[in-house]
């Protein structure tokens, strides 16, 4: 008997321009097809693999257009990594990062780190395709950063493989595809690029925005390179970060992290604007009031720029501010009064209280009265003791 063998369908091939895919970007900065309809991912399509491949192709070509805009409007250039690759070398495994021409000389700089599987210059494929190319990409953030005088660096921590002469974020189906040196993982990429570039820049005012897994990769690097960063970081904004402070046990680093980092997270609409300390995150978390995690990027960005604005001119030497725990400004969520919990709840300040201490304090709020003029006593490994009626 002969067994019928089903042939595997070849991978679909799409054009490498928006025109070839019959899409354009309209005045509202949405991707629309030839009939003027916005892009829609068909969740019920029979050929899901085709839908996903088409969506990836569309975001790839859209980002080519967006990066050209960044280069033209924001004075952004490509930089090859690893840094030892020469300009005329196209065969060695390599990828690109983006940076402003003044990154090494600017008075203050902003470094952007995306989530896993995002391509260079993109925050969210879904936002880019379904909502708006400026917010789904990093273009709107870069535009504002440049208008406010920041030098900009955009990392590319997901391009691990070198496939058919180009970097790829997708796991290759081919065998014997080389990985790009120093880019074997998001953590390795972030640590390599920052440990190489930061010693070369003039700025002592460094600001970070990291999305989801990018927050973990950043935390990994800052912990390992703490001495290099502790007196130079002005603020760290984490959008829906999946990081955890648990394995980083150095008390000085934990304290520094809590005083410099703020997470912007999804929440119920009625919780918008609330701030609470989360032990797992090691920092205060600002609730954006959106239940869709990608939209935390949209709702969080203006708040992040306010946060950075109130810190951009301060002395970032850790020893000068490590004991100053009151907020300098109500737009700074890192030192804002946390949400006080009456009950023990998971992942809150209360959950960190020792069981024996909890018994002693049963029935009382987690607030200390201080009779003298001291407004705040201490921040010890995330246990923020707040004085009643303390004001910014």
Foldseek 3Di string as FASTA:
>chain_A
DDDDDDDDDDQDDFDQACVRVQWDQDPQQFIAHVVRHADDQDPPDPPNSNSVVSLVSVLNNLVVVLVVCCCVVQQKDKAKPPNVDDPPDQPADIAIKIWHPCQQEFQEAEEEAEDAPDAHQANASCCCRHPHVCLRGVNVVSNVCSVVGHIYIYFGLQQFWQDPRYTDNDDDPDPPTDTHPQNNGSLSRVLSVCVVRLVRHDYLEYEYEYEAQRVQSVVSNCLVVVVSNQQRYQAYEYQNYPHFCVVRPDFVVLLSCLQHYEYEFEDAQVQAQAWFAFLGNSYIYGYQNHPDSSCSSVSVSVLVVLQSVVRRPDRSGCVVCSFPQDDPDPSNRSRHDHDWDLDQDHRGLNVVDDPVVCVVQPPHTQEDADDDPDQFDDQTSNNGHGHPPDDD
